[in-house]
PDB file of N, CA and C in Angstrom:
ATOM      1  N   MET A   1      90.697-123.384 -62.703  1.00  0.00           N
ATOM      2  CA  MET A   1      90.623-124.100 -63.962  1.00  0.00           C
ATOM      3  C   MET A   1      90.733-123.143 -65.148  1.00  0.00           C
ATOM      4  N   LYS A   2      90.136-121.977 -65.035  1.00  0.00           N
ATOM      5  CA  LYS A   2      90.181-121.030 -66.147  1.00  0.00           C
ATOM      6  C   LYS A   2      91.581-120.463 -66.343  1.00  0.00           C
ATOM      7  N   ILE A   3      92.308-120.288 -65.250  1.00  0.00           N
ATOM      8  CA  ILE A   3      93.660-119.734 -65.356  1.00  0.00           C
ATOM      9  C   ILE A   3      94.581-120.735 -66.049  1.00  0.00           C
ATOM     10  N   VAL A   4      94.428-121.998 -65.724  1.00  0.00           N
ATOM     11  CA  VAL A   4      95.251-123.034 -66.365  1.00  0.00           C
ATOM     12  C   VAL A   4      94.963-123.080 -67.861  1.00  0.00           C
ATOM     13  N   THR A   5      93.710-122.953 -68.249  1.00  0.00           N
ATOM     14  CA  THR A   5      93.344-122.952 -69.661  1.00  0.00           C
ATOM     15  C   THR A   5      93.964-121.771 -70.384  1.00  0.00           C
ATOM     16  N   ILE A   6      93.932-120.615 -69.771  1.00  0.00           N
ATOM     17  CA  ILE A   6      94.525-119.423 -70.385  1.00  0.00           C
ATOM     18  C   ILE A   6      96.031-119.586 -70.523  1.00  0.00           C
ATOM     19  N   ILE A   7      96.684-120.130 -69.514  1.00  0.00           N
ATOM     20  CA  ILE A   7      98.135-120.326 -69.568  1.00  0.00           C
ATOM     21  C   ILE A   7      98.499-121.316 -70.672  1.00  0.00           C
ATOM     22  N   VAL A   8      97.729-122.381 -70.806  1.00  0.00           N
ATOM     23  CA  VAL A   8      97.992-123.376 -71.855  1.00  0.00           C
ATOM     24  C   VAL A   8      97.794-122.755 -73.231  1.00  0.00           C
ATOM     25  N   LEU A   9      96.748-121.974 -73.413  1.00  0.00           N
ATOM     26  CA  LEU A   9      96.513-121.325 -74.705  1.00  0.00           C
ATOM     27  C   LEU A   9      97.613-120.335 -75.052  1.00  0.00           C
ATOM     28  N   VAL A  10      98.097-119.591 -74.077  1.00  0.00           N
ATOM     29  CA  VAL A  10      99.195-118.648 -74.324  1.00  0.00           C
ATOM     30  C   VAL A  10     100.471-119.404 -74.676  1.00  0.00           C
ATOM     31  N   ALA A  11     100.734-120.517 -74.007  1.00  0.00           N
ATOM     32  CA  ALA A  11     101.933-121.307 -74.309  1.00  0.00           C
ATOM     33  C   ALA A  11     101.874-121.885 -75.717  1.00  0.00           C
ATOM     34  N   ILE A  12     100.711-122.367 -76.128  1.00  0.00           N
ATOM     35  CA  ILE A  12     100.554-122.899 -77.482  1.00  0.00           C
ATOM     36  C   ILE A  12     100.723-121.779 -78.511  1.00  0.00           C
ATOM     37  N   ALA A  13     100.148-120.619 -78.234  1.00  0.00           N
ATOM     38  CA  ALA A  13     100.287-119.491 -79.160  1.00  0.00           C
ATOM     39  C   ALA A  13     101.744-119.071 -79.292  1.00  0.00           C
ATOM     40  N   LEU A  14     102.474-119.018 -78.192  1.00  0.00           N
ATOM     41  CA  LEU A  14     103.885-118.658 -78.263  1.00  0.00           C
ATOM     42  C   LEU A  14     104.695-119.708 -79.009  1.00  0.00           C
ATOM     43  N   PHE A  15     104.348-120.966 -78.827  1.00  0.00           N
ATOM     44  CA  PHE A  15     105.051-122.045 -79.517  1.00  0.00           C
ATOM     45  C   PHE A  15     104.954-121.886 -81.024  1.00  0.00           C
ATOM     46  N   PHE A  16     103.796-121.468 -81.517  1.00  0.00           N
ATOM     47  CA  PHE A  16     103.612-121.315 -82.957  1.00  0.00           C
ATOM     48  C   PHE A  16     103.998-119.923 -83.466  1.00  0.00           C
ATOM     49  N   LEU A  17     103.833-118.892 -82.653  1.00  0.00           N
ATOM     50  CA  LEU A  17     104.070-117.532 -83.139  1.00  0.00           C
ATOM     51  C   LEU A  17     105.523-117.079 -83.053  1.00  0.00           C
ATOM     52  N   LEU A  18     106.290-117.586 -82.103  1.00  0.00           N
ATOM     53  CA  LEU A  18     107.681-117.138 -81.987  1.00  0.00           C
ATOM     54  C   LEU A  18     108.507-117.380 -83.246  1.00  0.00           C
ATOM     55  N   PRO A  19     108.443-118.556 -83.874  1.00  0.00           N
ATOM     56  CA  PRO A  19     109.211-118.736 -85.117  1.00  0.00           C
ATOM     57  C   PRO A  19     108.732-117.822 -86.245  1.00  0.00           C
ATOM     58  N   ILE A  20     107.438-117.558 -86.302  1.00  0.00           N
ATOM     59  CA  ILE A  20     106.904-116.694 -87.361  1.00  0.00           C
ATOM     60  C   ILE A  20     107.328-115.248 -87.123  1.00  0.00           C
ATOM     61  N   LEU A  21     107.213-114.786 -85.891  1.00  0.00           N
ATOM     62  CA  LEU A  21     107.562-113.401 -85.582  1.00  0.00           C
ATOM     63  C   LEU A  21     109.062-113.136 -85.674  1.00  0.00           C
ATOM     64  N   SER A  22     109.885-114.167 -85.439  1.00  0.00           N
ATOM     65  CA  SER A  22     111.329-113.973 -85.538  1.00  0.00           C
ATOM     66  C   SER A  22     111.808-113.952 -86.980  1.00  0.00           C
ATOM     67  N   GLY A  23     110.979-114.424 -87.905  1.00  0.00           N
ATOM     68  CA  GLY A  23     111.346-114.412 -89.311  1.00  0.00           C
ATOM     69  C   GLY A  23     111.943-115.714 -89.806  1.00  0.00           C
ATOM     70  N   ASN A  24     112.068-116.702 -88.942  1.00  0.00           N
ATOM     71  CA  ASN A  24     112.640-117.984 -89.370  1.00  0.00           C
ATOM     72  C   ASN A  24     111.649-118.805 -90.175  1.00  0.00           C
ATOM     73  N   ALA A  25     110.383-118.755 -89.821  1.00  0.00           N
ATOM     74  CA  ALA A  25     109.354-119.528 -90.517  1.00  0.00           C
ATOM     75  C   ALA A  25     108.408-118.549 -91.204  1.00  0.00           C
ATOM     76  N   SER A  26     108.546-118.436 -92.509  1.00  0.00           N
ATOM     77  CA  SER A  26     107.664-117.536 -93.247  1.00  0.00           C
ATOM     78  C   SER A  26     106.328-118.219 -93.502  1.00  0.00           C
ATOM     79  N   ILE A  27     105.259-117.467 -93.411  1.00  0.00           N
ATOM     80  CA  ILE A  27     103.920-118.015 -93.619  1.00  0.00           C
ATOM     81  C   ILE A  27     103.781-118.403 -95.087  1.00  0.00           C
ATOM     82  N   PRO A  28     103.322-119.632 -95.360  1.00  0.00           N
ATOM     83  CA  PRO A  28     103.192-120.074 -96.753  1.00  0.00           C
ATOM     84  C   PRO A  28     102.190-119.225 -97.534  1.00  0.00           C
ATOM     85  N   GLU A  29     102.561-118.853 -98.754  1.00  0.00           N
ATOM     86  CA  GLU A  29     101.674-118.053 -99.592  1.00  0.00           C
ATOM     87  C   GLU A  29     100.622-118.908-100.273  1.00  0.00           C
ATOM     88  N   ASP A  30     100.960-120.162-100.562  1.00  0.00           N
ATOM     89  CA  ASP A  30     100.000-121.086-101.136  1.00  0.00           C
ATOM     90  C   ASP A  30     100.249-122.463-100.523  1.00  0.00           C
ATOM     91  N   MET A  31      99.484-123.435-100.929  1.00  0.00           N
ATOM     92  CA  MET A  31      99.569-124.761-100.332  1.00  0.00           C
ATOM     93  C   MET A  31     100.482-125.708-101.115  1.00  0.00           C
ATOM     94  N   SER A  32     101.483-125.161-101.804  1.00  0.00           N
ATOM     95  CA  SER A  32     102.407-126.026-102.544  1.00  0.00           C
ATOM     96  C   SER A  32     103.358-126.716-101.558  1.00  0.00           C
ATOM     97  N   ALA A  33     103.899-127.823-101.992  1.00  0.00           N
ATOM     98  CA  ALA A  33     104.763-128.621-101.130  1.00  0.00           C
ATOM     99  C   ALA A  33     106.028-127.861-100.735  1.00  0.00           C
ATOM    100  N   SER A  34     106.573-127.078-101.642  1.00  0.00           N
ATOM    101  CA  SER A  34     107.804-126.349-101.324  1.00  0.00           C
ATOM    102  C   SER A  34     107.547-125.259-100.282  1.00  0.00           C
ATOM    103  N   GLN A  35     106.409-124.596-100.363  1.00  0.00           N
ATOM    104  CA  GLN A  35     106.074-123.563 -99.380  1.00  0.00           C
ATOM    105  C   GLN A  35     105.839-124.172 -98.000  1.00  0.00           C
ATOM    106  N   ILE A  36     105.105-125.271 -97.958  1.00  0.00           N
ATOM    107  CA  ILE A  36     104.836-125.940 -96.684  1.00  0.00           C
ATOM    108  C   ILE A  36     106.133-126.487 -96.093  1.00  0.00           C
ATOM    109  N   GLY A  37     106.986-127.062 -96.922  1.00  0.00           N
ATOM    110  CA  GLY A  37     108.266-127.573 -96.455  1.00  0.00           C
ATOM    111  C   GLY A  37     109.173-126.479 -95.933  1.00  0.00           C
ATOM    112  N   SER A  38     109.157-125.334 -96.591  1.00  0.00           N
ATOM    113  CA  SER A  38     109.947-124.195 -96.125  1.00  0.00           C
ATOM    114  C   SER A  38     109.452-123.712 -94.764  1.00  0.00           C
ATOM    115  N   PHE A  39     108.142-123.684 -94.586  1.00  0.00           N
ATOM    116  CA  PHE A  39     107.570-123.261 -93.312  1.00  0.00           C
ATOM    117  C   PHE A  39     107.930-124.235 -92.192  1.00  0.00           C
ATOM    118  N   ILE A  40     107.771-125.526 -92.444  1.00  0.00           N
ATOM    119  CA  ILE A  40     108.070-126.525 -91.419  1.00  0.00           C
ATOM    120  C   ILE A  40     109.563-126.555 -91.119  1.00  0.00           C
ATOM    121  N   GLY A  41     110.392-126.394 -92.149  1.00  0.00           N
ATOM    122  CA  GLY A  41     111.835-126.351 -91.935  1.00  0.00           C
ATOM    123  C   GLY A  41     112.266-125.161 -91.108  1.00  0.00           C
ATOM    124  N   GLY A  42     111.708-123.999 -91.381  1.00  0.00           N
ATOM    125  CA  GLY A  42     112.023-122.814 -90.589  1.00  0.00           C
ATOM    126  C   GLY A  42     111.539-122.943 -89.166  1.00  0.00           C
ATOM    127  N   PHE A  43     110.371-123.540 -89.010  1.00  0.00           N
ATOM    128  CA  PHE A  43     109.792-123.770 -87.683  1.00  0.00           C
ATOM    129  C   PHE A  43     110.698-124.695 -86.869  1.00  0.00           C
ATOM    130  N   ALA A  44     111.107-125.811 -87.474  1.00  0.00           N
ATOM    131  CA  ALA A  44     111.975-126.765 -86.781  1.00  0.00           C
ATOM    132  C   ALA A  44     113.345-126.163 -86.517  1.00  0.00           C
ATOM    133  N   ARG A  45     113.890-125.416 -87.489  1.00  0.00           N
ATOM    134  CA  ARG A  45     115.206-124.797 -87.319  1.00  0.00           C
ATOM    135  C   ARG A  45     115.207-123.822 -86.146  1.00  0.00           C
ATOM    136  N   TYR A  46     114.118-123.062 -85.988  1.00  0.00           N
ATOM    137  CA  TYR A  46     114.017-122.109 -84.884  1.00  0.00           C
ATOM    138  C   TYR A  46     114.080-122.826 -83.539  1.00  0.00           C
ATOM    139  N   TRP A  47     113.282-123.884 -83.387  1.00  0.00           N
ATOM    140  CA  TRP A  47     113.233-124.570 -82.097  1.00  0.00           C
ATOM    141  C   TRP A  47     114.494-125.367 -81.822  1.00  0.00           C
ATOM    142  N   ILE A  48     115.133-125.898 -82.853  1.00  0.00           N
ATOM    143  CA  ILE A  48     116.405-126.591 -82.639  1.00  0.00           C
ATOM    144  C   ILE A  48     117.467-125.594 -82.184  1.00  0.00           C
ATOM    145  N   ASP A  49     117.537-124.438 -82.821  1.00  0.00           N
ATOM    146  CA  ASP A  49     118.489-123.406 -82.409  1.00  0.00           C
ATOM    147  C   ASP A  49     118.195-122.914 -81.007  1.00  0.00           C
ATOM    148  N   ALA A  50     116.922-122.734 -80.679  1.00  0.00           N
ATOM    149  CA  ALA A  50     116.547-122.254 -79.352  1.00  0.00           C
ATOM    150  C   ALA A  50     116.924-123.271 -78.280  1.00  0.00           C
ATOM    151  N   LEU A  51     116.672-124.540 -78.550  1.00  0.00           N
ATOM    152  CA  LEU A  51     116.989-125.565 -77.565  1.00  0.00           C
ATOM    153  C   LEU A  51     118.484-125.783 -77.413  1.00  0.00           C
ATOM    154  N   THR A  52     119.234-125.721 -78.514  1.00  0.00           N
ATOM    155  CA  THR A  52     120.688-125.892 -78.403  1.00  0.00           C
ATOM    156  C   THR A  52     121.325-124.720 -77.685  1.00  0.00           C
ATOM    157  N   SER A  53     120.819-123.526 -77.881  1.00  0.00           N
ATOM    158  CA  SER A  53     121.399-122.389 -77.152  1.00  0.00           C
ATOM    159  C   SER A  53     120.960-122.375 -75.688  1.00  0.00           C
ATOM    160  N   ALA A  54     119.818-122.984 -75.376  1.00  0.00           N
ATOM    161  CA  ALA A  54     119.374-123.053 -73.984  1.00  0.00           C
ATOM    162  C   ALA A  54     120.181-124.082 -73.200  1.00  0.00           C
ATOM    163  N   PHE A  55     120.582-125.147 -73.873  1.00  0.00           N
ATOM    164  CA  PHE A  55     121.339-126.186 -73.171  1.00  0.00           C
ATOM    165  C   PHE A  55     122.787-126.104 -73.553  1.00  0.00           C
TER     166      PHE A  55
END
């Protein structure tokens, strides 16, 4: 049970950290709508590109 929990936590961390570490999703400097939108857009763009290149 503990190993499954660790694997799930690592998968969730990679899901959120890969777009940030690759530079596609910049961490918002403040809580303005444009900063949050830029972050979510970069996050989505990273995963769309990753999935299209995988398939």
